C-alpha atoms as a PDB file:
ATOM      1  CA  UNK A   1      22.901 -50.435 108.889  1.00  0.00           C
ATOM      2  CA  UNK A   2      19.310 -49.902 107.862  1.00  0.00           C
ATOM      3  CA  UNK A   3      16.727 -51.636 105.795  1.00  0.00           C
ATOM      4  CA  UNK A   4      15.050 -49.490 103.166  1.00  0.00           C
ATOM      5  CA  UNK A   5      11.483 -50.515 102.414  1.00  0.00           C
ATOM      6  CA  UNK A   6      10.519 -47.603 100.205  1.00  0.00           C
ATOM      7  CA  UNK A   7      11.010 -49.613  97.032  1.00  0.00           C
ATOM      8  CA  UNK A   8       9.578 -52.826  98.417  1.00  0.00           C
ATOM      9  CA  UNK A   9      12.693 -54.849  97.624  1.00  0.00           C
ATOM     10  CA  UNK A  10      14.038 -55.245 101.173  1.00  0.00           C
ATOM     11  CA  UNK A  11      17.394 -53.731 100.173  1.00  0.00           C
ATOM     12  CA  UNK A  12      19.967 -53.603 102.963  1.00  0.00           C
ATOM     13  CA  UNK A  13      22.081 -50.457 103.176  1.00  0.00           C
ATOM     14  CA  UNK A  14      25.382 -49.842 104.943  1.00  0.00           C
ATOM     15  CA  UNK A  15      24.115 -46.537 106.328  1.00  0.00           C
ATOM     16  CA  UNK A  16      21.156 -44.179 106.394  1.00  0.00           C
ATOM     17  CA  UNK A  17      21.644 -40.443 106.963  1.00  0.00           C
ATOM     18  CA  UNK A  18      18.667 -38.683 108.521  1.00  0.00           C
ATOM     19  CA  UNK A  19      18.522 -35.103 107.257  1.00  0.00           C
ATOM     20  CA  UNK A  20      19.838 -33.807 103.957  1.00  0.00           C
ATOM     21  CA  UNK A  21      21.274 -30.360 104.576  1.00  0.00           C
ATOM     22  CA  UNK A  22      24.973 -29.435 104.756  1.00  0.00           C
ATOM     23  CA  UNK A  23      25.945 -31.855 107.546  1.00  0.00           C
ATOM     24  CA  UNK A  24      23.859 -34.758 106.294  1.00  0.00           C
ATOM     25  CA  UNK A  25      25.046 -34.481 102.710  1.00  0.00           C
ATOM     26  CA  UNK A  26      28.671 -34.188 103.874  1.00  0.00           C
ATOM     27  CA  UNK A  27      28.312 -37.328 106.002  1.00  0.00           C
ATOM     28  CA  UNK A  28      26.739 -39.235 103.140  1.00  0.00           C
ATOM     29  CA  UNK A  29      29.429 -38.057 100.722  1.00  0.00           C
ATOM     30  CA  UNK A  30      32.192 -39.524 102.876  1.00  0.00           C
ATOM     31  CA  UNK A  31      30.286 -42.795 103.161  1.00  0.00           C
ATOM     32  CA  UNK A  32      29.734 -42.964  99.411  1.00  0.00           C
ATOM     33  CA  UNK A  33      33.408 -42.232  98.746  1.00  0.00           C
ATOM     34  CA  UNK A  34      34.172 -45.179 101.004  1.00  0.00           C
ATOM     35  CA  UNK A  35      31.965 -47.256  98.667  1.00  0.00           C
ATOM     36  CA  UNK A  36      29.275 -47.699 101.307  1.00  0.00           C
ATOM     37  CA  UNK A  37      25.697 -47.939 100.143  1.00  0.00           C
ATOM     38  CA  UNK A  38      23.967 -44.951 101.743  1.00  0.00           C
ATOM     39  CA  UNK A  39      20.578 -43.283 101.565  1.00  0.00           C
ATOM     40  CA  UNK A  40      19.785 -39.741 102.677  1.00  0.00           C
ATOM     41  CA  UNK A  41      16.281 -39.364 104.100  1.00  0.00           C
ATOM     42  CA  UNK A  42      15.125 -35.742 103.890  1.00  0.00           C
ATOM     43  CA  UNK A  43      11.825 -33.907 103.509  1.00  0.00           C
ATOM     44  CA  UNK A  44      13.438 -30.703 102.216  1.00  0.00           C
ATOM     45  CA  UNK A  45      12.695 -28.397 105.157  1.00  0.00           C
ATOM     46  CA  UNK A  46      16.262 -27.413 106.069  1.00  0.00           C
ATOM     47  CA  UNK A  47      16.963 -25.031 108.942  1.00  0.00           C
ATOM     48  CA  UNK A  48      18.586 -22.445 106.642  1.00  0.00           C
ATOM     49  CA  UNK A  49      15.861 -22.460 103.996  1.00  0.00           C
ATOM     50  CA  UNK A  50      14.842 -18.873 104.829  1.00  0.00           C
ATOM     51  CA  UNK A  51      18.353 -17.398 104.449  1.00  0.00           C
ATOM     52  CA  UNK A  52      19.114 -15.543 101.221  1.00  0.00           C
ATOM     53  CA  UNK A  53      22.867 -16.248 101.264  1.00  0.00           C
ATOM     54  CA  UNK A  54      25.483 -18.265 103.135  1.00  0.00           C
ATOM     55  CA  UNK A  55      28.918 -16.866 104.005  1.00  0.00           C
ATOM     56  CA  UNK A  56      32.281 -18.137 105.190  1.00  0.00           C
ATOM     57  CA  UNK A  57      32.058 -21.511 103.451  1.00  0.00           C
ATOM     58  CA  UNK A  58      35.094 -22.105 101.247  1.00  0.00           C
ATOM     59  CA  UNK A  59      34.171 -21.905  97.546  1.00  0.00           C
ATOM     60  CA  UNK A  60      30.531 -20.997  98.226  1.00  0.00           C
ATOM     61  CA  UNK A  61      30.613 -17.566  99.860  1.00  0.00           C
ATOM     62  CA  UNK A  62      27.494 -15.561  99.070  1.00  0.00           C
ATOM     63  CA  UNK A  63      25.554 -18.401  97.457  1.00  0.00           C
ATOM     64  CA  UNK A  64      21.957 -19.155  98.487  1.00  0.00           C
ATOM     65  CA  UNK A  65      21.837 -22.151 100.867  1.00  0.00           C
ATOM     66  CA  UNK A  66      19.410 -23.944  98.561  1.00  0.00           C
ATOM     67  CA  UNK A  67      21.946 -23.710  95.723  1.00  0.00           C
ATOM     68  CA  UNK A  68      24.754 -25.058  97.924  1.00  0.00           C
ATOM     69  CA  UNK A  69      22.507 -27.937  99.000  1.00  0.00           C
ATOM     70  CA  UNK A  70      21.565 -28.688  95.383  1.00  0.00           C
ATOM     71  CA  UNK A  71      25.203 -28.711  94.317  1.00  0.00           C
ATOM     72  CA  UNK A  72      26.060 -30.945  97.269  1.00  0.00           C
ATOM     73  CA  UNK A  73      23.313 -33.388  96.338  1.00  0.00           C
ATOM     74  CA  UNK A  74      24.551 -33.388  92.751  1.00  0.00           C
ATOM     75  CA  UNK A  75      28.042 -34.318  93.943  1.00  0.00           C
ATOM     76  CA  UNK A  76      26.663 -36.979  96.266  1.00  0.00           C
ATOM     77  CA  UNK A  77      24.312 -38.616  93.787  1.00  0.00           C
ATOM     78  CA  UNK A  78      27.114 -38.890  91.227  1.00  0.00           C
ATOM     79  CA  UNK A  79      28.231 -41.870  93.316  1.00  0.00           C
ATOM     80  CA  UNK A  80      26.224 -44.979  92.442  1.00  0.00           C
ATOM     81  CA  UNK A  81      26.278 -46.014  96.114  1.00  0.00           C
ATOM     82  CA  UNK A  82      24.186 -43.012  97.176  1.00  0.00           C
ATOM     83  CA  UNK A  83      20.566 -42.037  96.757  1.00  0.00           C
ATOM     84  CA  UNK A  84      18.016 -39.624  98.181  1.00  0.00           C
ATOM     85  CA  UNK A  85      14.736 -40.660  99.798  1.00  0.00           C
ATOM     86  CA  UNK A  86      12.214 -37.824 100.035  1.00  0.00           C
ATOM     87  CA  UNK A  87      10.400 -38.171 103.336  1.00  0.00           C
ATOM     88  CA  UNK A  88      10.652 -38.213 107.136  1.00  0.00           C
ATOM     89  CA  UNK A  89      12.347 -40.958 109.172  1.00  0.00           C
ATOM     90  CA  UNK A  90      10.114 -42.247 111.979  1.00  0.00           C
ATOM     91  CA  UNK A  91      11.917 -45.258 113.451  1.00  0.00           C
ATOM     92  CA  UNK A  92      15.616 -46.107 114.087  1.00  0.00           C
ATOM     93  CA  UNK A  93      17.301 -49.365 112.832  1.00  0.00           C
ATOM     94  CA  UNK A  94      18.707 -51.886 115.404  1.00  0.00           C
ATOM     95  CA  UNK A  95      22.222 -51.109 116.723  1.00  0.00           C
ATOM     96  CA  UNK A  96      24.597 -53.056 119.028  1.00  0.00           C
ATOM     97  CA  UNK A  97      27.799 -51.627 120.535  1.00  0.00           C
ATOM     98  CA  UNK A  98      30.804 -53.892 121.129  1.00  0.00           C
ATOM     99  CA  UNK A  99      32.947 -51.741 123.466  1.00  0.00           C
ATOM    100  CA  UNK A 100      36.731 -52.077 123.589  1.00  0.00           C
ATOM    101  CA  UNK A 101      37.000 -51.982 127.363  1.00  0.00           C
ATOM    102  CA  UNK A 102      34.596 -51.159 130.173  1.00  0.00           C
ATOM    103  CA  UNK A 103      31.899 -48.508 129.857  1.00  0.00           C
ATOM    104  CA  UNK A 104      30.962 -46.257 132.737  1.00  0.00           C
ATOM    105  CA  UNK A 105      27.560 -46.830 134.309  1.00  0.00           C
ATOM    106  CA  UNK A 106      26.437 -43.457 132.961  1.00  0.00           C
ATOM    107  CA  UNK A 107      27.501 -44.268 129.388  1.00  0.00           C
ATOM    108  CA  UNK A 108      25.846 -47.673 129.602  1.00  0.00           C
ATOM    109  CA  UNK A 109      22.600 -46.119 130.859  1.00  0.00           C
ATOM    110  CA  UNK A 110      22.670 -43.438 128.167  1.00  0.00           C
ATOM    111  CA  UNK A 111      23.134 -45.985 125.393  1.00  0.00           C
ATOM    112  CA  UNK A 112      20.454 -48.277 126.777  1.00  0.00           C
ATOM    113  CA  UNK A 113      17.948 -45.435 127.071  1.00  0.00           C
ATOM    114  CA  UNK A 114      18.635 -44.572 123.433  1.00  0.00           C
ATOM    115  CA  UNK A 115      17.776 -48.120 122.374  1.00  0.00           C
ATOM    116  CA  UNK A 116      21.380 -49.221 121.755  1.00  0.00           C
ATOM    117  CA  UNK A 117      22.227 -52.734 122.954  1.00  0.00           C
ATOM    118  CA  UNK A 118      25.632 -53.131 124.618  1.00  0.00           C
ATOM    119  CA  UNK A 119      27.406 -56.502 124.348  1.00  0.00           C
ATOM    120  CA  UNK A 120      29.062 -57.628 127.567  1.00  0.00           C
ATOM    121  CA  UNK A 121      31.782 -59.632 125.773  1.00  0.00           C
ATOM    122  CA  UNK A 122      34.389 -58.687 123.178  1.00  0.00           C
ATOM    123  CA  UNK A 123      34.263 -59.914 119.557  1.00  0.00           C
ATOM    124  CA  UNK A 124      36.817 -62.626 118.778  1.00  0.00           C
ATOM    125  CA  UNK A 125      35.855 -63.998 115.367  1.00  0.00           C
ATOM    126  CA  UNK A 126      33.712 -63.117 112.368  1.00  0.00           C
ATOM    127  CA  UNK A 127      31.699 -65.580 110.325  1.00  0.00           C
ATOM    128  CA  UNK A 128      30.714 -64.692 106.777  1.00  0.00           C
ATOM    129  CA  UNK A 129      29.225 -66.052 103.600  1.00  0.00           C
ATOM    130  CA  UNK A 130      31.713 -64.792 101.072  1.00  0.00           C
ATOM    131  CA  UNK A 131      31.877 -60.988 101.422  1.00  0.00           C
ATOM    132  CA  UNK A 132      28.663 -60.796 103.496  1.00  0.00           C
ATOM    133  CA  UNK A 133      28.973 -60.784 107.288  1.00  0.00           C
ATOM    134  CA  UNK A 134      26.625 -63.160 109.080  1.00  0.00           C
ATOM    135  CA  UNK A 135      27.698 -63.738 112.697  1.00  0.00           C
ATOM    136  CA  UNK A 136      30.033 -62.179 115.283  1.00  0.00           C
ATOM    137  CA  UNK A 137      31.451 -64.679 117.776  1.00  0.00           C
ATOM    138  CA  UNK A 138      31.972 -63.220 121.269  1.00  0.00           C
ATOM    139  CA  UNK A 139      34.571 -64.110 123.878  1.00  0.00           C
ATOM    140  CA  UNK A 140      31.992 -65.647 126.207  1.00  0.00           C
ATOM    141  CA  UNK A 141      30.929 -68.180 123.575  1.00  0.00           C
ATOM    142  CA  UNK A 142      27.766 -66.394 122.486  1.00  0.00           C
ATOM    143  CA  UNK A 143      27.095 -65.382 118.873  1.00  0.00           C
ATOM    144  CA  UNK A 144      25.592 -62.172 117.571  1.00  0.00           C
ATOM    145  CA  UNK A 145      23.801 -62.122 114.193  1.00  0.00           C
ATOM    146  CA  UNK A 146      25.053 -59.100 112.249  1.00  0.00           C
ATOM    147  CA  UNK A 147      25.270 -57.757 108.726  1.00  0.00           C
ATOM    148  CA  UNK A 148      27.518 -54.706 109.171  1.00  0.00           C
ATOM    149  CA  UNK A 149      30.472 -54.111 111.516  1.00  0.00           C
ATOM    150  CA  UNK A 150      32.180 -50.737 111.951  1.00  0.00           C
ATOM    151  CA  UNK A 151      35.575 -50.587 113.670  1.00  0.00           C
ATOM    152  CA  UNK A 152      37.518 -47.632 115.091  1.00  0.00           C
ATOM    153  CA  UNK A 153      41.262 -47.881 114.425  1.00  0.00           C
ATOM    154  CA  UNK A 154      44.050 -46.255 116.438  1.00  0.00           C
ATOM    155  CA  UNK A 155      46.125 -43.361 115.046  1.00  0.00           C
ATOM    156  CA  UNK A 156      49.324 -41.665 116.232  1.00  0.00           C
ATOM    157  CA  UNK A 157      50.763 -38.193 115.424  1.00  0.00           C
ATOM    158  CA  UNK A 158      53.120 -38.289 112.447  1.00  0.00           C
ATOM    159  CA  UNK A 159      55.903 -36.574 114.444  1.00  0.00           C
ATOM    160  CA  UNK A 160      56.726 -35.485 118.004  1.00  0.00           C
ATOM    161  CA  UNK A 161      56.954 -31.705 117.429  1.00  0.00           C
ATOM    162  CA  UNK A 162      53.996 -31.045 119.726  1.00  0.00           C
ATOM    163  CA  UNK A 163      55.668 -33.053 122.474  1.00  0.00           C
ATOM    164  CA  UNK A 164      58.963 -31.214 121.916  1.00  0.00           C
ATOM    165  CA  UNK A 165      57.136 -27.916 122.397  1.00  0.00           C
ATOM    166  CA  UNK A 166      55.579 -29.210 125.597  1.00  0.00           C
ATOM    167  CA  UNK A 167      51.997 -29.223 124.374  1.00  0.00           C
ATOM    168  CA  UNK A 168      49.602 -31.118 126.610  1.00  0.00           C
ATOM    169  CA  UNK A 169      48.207 -34.240 124.958  1.00  0.00           C
ATOM    170  CA  UNK A 170      44.924 -36.008 125.615  1.00  0.00           C
ATOM    171  CA  UNK A 171      43.392 -39.272 124.505  1.00  0.00           C
ATOM    172  CA  UNK A 172      40.949 -38.981 121.628  1.00  0.00           C
ATOM    173  CA  UNK A 173      38.634 -41.639 120.293  1.00  0.00           C
ATOM    174  CA  UNK A 174      41.368 -43.099 118.072  1.00  0.00           C
ATOM    175  CA  UNK A 175      44.560 -42.183 119.867  1.00  0.00           C
ATOM    176  CA  UNK A 176      46.521 -39.248 121.341  1.00  0.00           C
ATOM    177  CA  UNK A 177      45.794 -35.710 120.101  1.00  0.00           C
ATOM    178  CA  UNK A 178      46.992 -32.233 121.051  1.00  0.00           C
ATOM    179  CA  UNK A 179      44.679 -30.729 123.664  1.00  0.00           C
ATOM    180  CA  UNK A 180      43.280 -27.416 122.385  1.00  0.00           C
ATOM    181  CA  UNK A 181      40.627 -24.968 123.508  1.00  0.00           C
ATOM    182  CA  UNK A 182      37.710 -23.629 121.454  1.00  0.00           C
ATOM    183  CA  UNK A 183      40.114 -21.302 119.603  1.00  0.00           C
ATOM    184  CA  UNK A 184      42.498 -24.186 118.694  1.00  0.00           C
ATOM    185  CA  UNK A 185      45.085 -22.866 121.166  1.00  0.00           C
ATOM    186  CA  UNK A 186      47.327 -25.486 122.782  1.00  0.00           C
ATOM    187  CA  UNK A 187      48.572 -25.423 126.374  1.00  0.00           C
ATOM    188  CA  UNK A 188      51.701 -23.577 125.175  1.00  0.00           C
ATOM    189  CA  UNK A 189      51.149 -19.822 124.573  1.00  0.00           C
ATOM    190  CA  UNK A 190      51.459 -18.899 120.903  1.00  0.00           C
ATOM    191  CA  UNK A 191      51.132 -22.492 119.684  1.00  0.00           C
ATOM    192  CA  UNK A 192      47.964 -23.502 117.850  1.00  0.00           C
ATOM    193  CA  UNK A 193      47.025 -26.901 116.458  1.00  0.00           C
ATOM    194  CA  UNK A 194      44.394 -27.943 113.923  1.00  0.00           C
ATOM    195  CA  UNK A 195      43.417 -30.820 111.697  1.00  0.00           C
ATOM    196  CA  UNK A 196      43.968 -34.479 112.558  1.00  0.00           C
ATOM    197  CA  UNK A 197      46.621 -33.519 115.118  1.00  0.00           C
ATOM    198  CA  UNK A 198      44.059 -31.872 117.379  1.00  0.00           C
ATOM    199  CA  UNK A 199      40.744 -33.501 116.565  1.00  0.00           C
ATOM    200  CA  UNK A 200      39.518 -37.025 117.285  1.00  0.00           C
ATOM    201  CA  UNK A 201      37.474 -37.117 114.062  1.00  0.00           C
ATOM    202  CA  UNK A 202      39.236 -36.979 110.702  1.00  0.00           C
ATOM    203  CA  UNK A 203      38.091 -35.354 107.444  1.00  0.00           C
ATOM    204  CA  UNK A 204      38.748 -32.453 105.070  1.00  0.00           C
ATOM    205  CA  UNK A 205      35.709 -30.504 106.241  1.00  0.00           C
ATOM    206  CA  UNK A 206      36.853 -30.649 109.872  1.00  0.00           C
ATOM    207  CA  UNK A 207      40.387 -29.695 108.842  1.00  0.00           C
ATOM    208  CA  UNK A 208      39.215 -26.588 106.963  1.00  0.00           C
ATOM    209  CA  UNK A 209      37.032 -25.411 109.855  1.00  0.00           C
ATOM    210  CA  UNK A 210      39.762 -25.955 112.449  1.00  0.00           C
ATOM    211  CA  UNK A 211      42.354 -24.287 110.238  1.00  0.00           C
ATOM    212  CA  UNK A 212      40.171 -21.188 109.891  1.00  0.00           C
ATOM    213  CA  UNK A 213      39.791 -21.006 113.657  1.00  0.00           C
ATOM    214  CA  UNK A 214      43.503 -21.538 114.298  1.00  0.00           C
ATOM    215  CA  UNK A 215      44.513 -18.902 111.752  1.00  0.00           C
ATOM    216  CA  UNK A 216      42.131 -16.252 113.046  1.00  0.00           C
ATOM    217  CA  UNK A 217      43.019 -17.036 116.655  1.00  0.00           C
ATOM    218  CA  UNK A 218      46.734 -16.759 115.881  1.00  0.00           C
ATOM    219  CA  UNK A 219      46.145 -13.392 114.182  1.00  0.00           C
ATOM    220  CA  UNK A 220      44.157 -12.220 117.201  1.00  0.00           C
ATOM    221  CA  UNK A 221      46.954 -13.239 119.564  1.00  0.00           C
ATOM    222  CA  UNK A 222      49.490 -11.275 117.502  1.00  0.00           C
ATOM    223  CA  UNK A 223      47.278  -8.170 117.509  1.00  0.00           C
ATOM    224  CA  UNK A 224      46.649  -8.302 121.241  1.00  0.00           C
ATOM    225  CA  UNK A 225      50.224  -9.240 122.001  1.00  0.00           C
END
């Protein structure tokens, strides 16, 4: 959540993306597709602005980075929920975390040092005015004024093939996933996993990147025996 004051109308946005290169535009695109109002704040000085061409990106191999960025912005701004703010972000909006369970002392300290407030009690009820959220009621009786609430849901693998093969599992942010190394290799030799099955964050872009790594790693394992 962030309040945009550039137009002087006090508009409240669901999200603000700081930085408008490949990662920022991709993040904003997913938010806009979810019908979230989102603004990208960017001053145009991307890290890859001095490169003449980008390679290895599906559908864009050999294109200048500036062209890829322009095409990405065109796709993003086709959604009425999205817009671009030319400039530099200087201050962060207020953020409160409502953890599902206990946080470690280190995590709590890290969040606090970053300016994130951590609620000691769990949310039990939401209060709204029509579609607009107003208050979160906590289990200890306190209330928390709020305008946006993001929730992380739990996901499970669609089948048990990984378990049948004996692949080691680990707990991701939203449920169990196949444990893989940097090359997408599982704990079972010759078995590789990619996509939602092996990553705690979902999305087509992540799936493509992991699939490329898994495919090349599998090829390498076959060559080396």
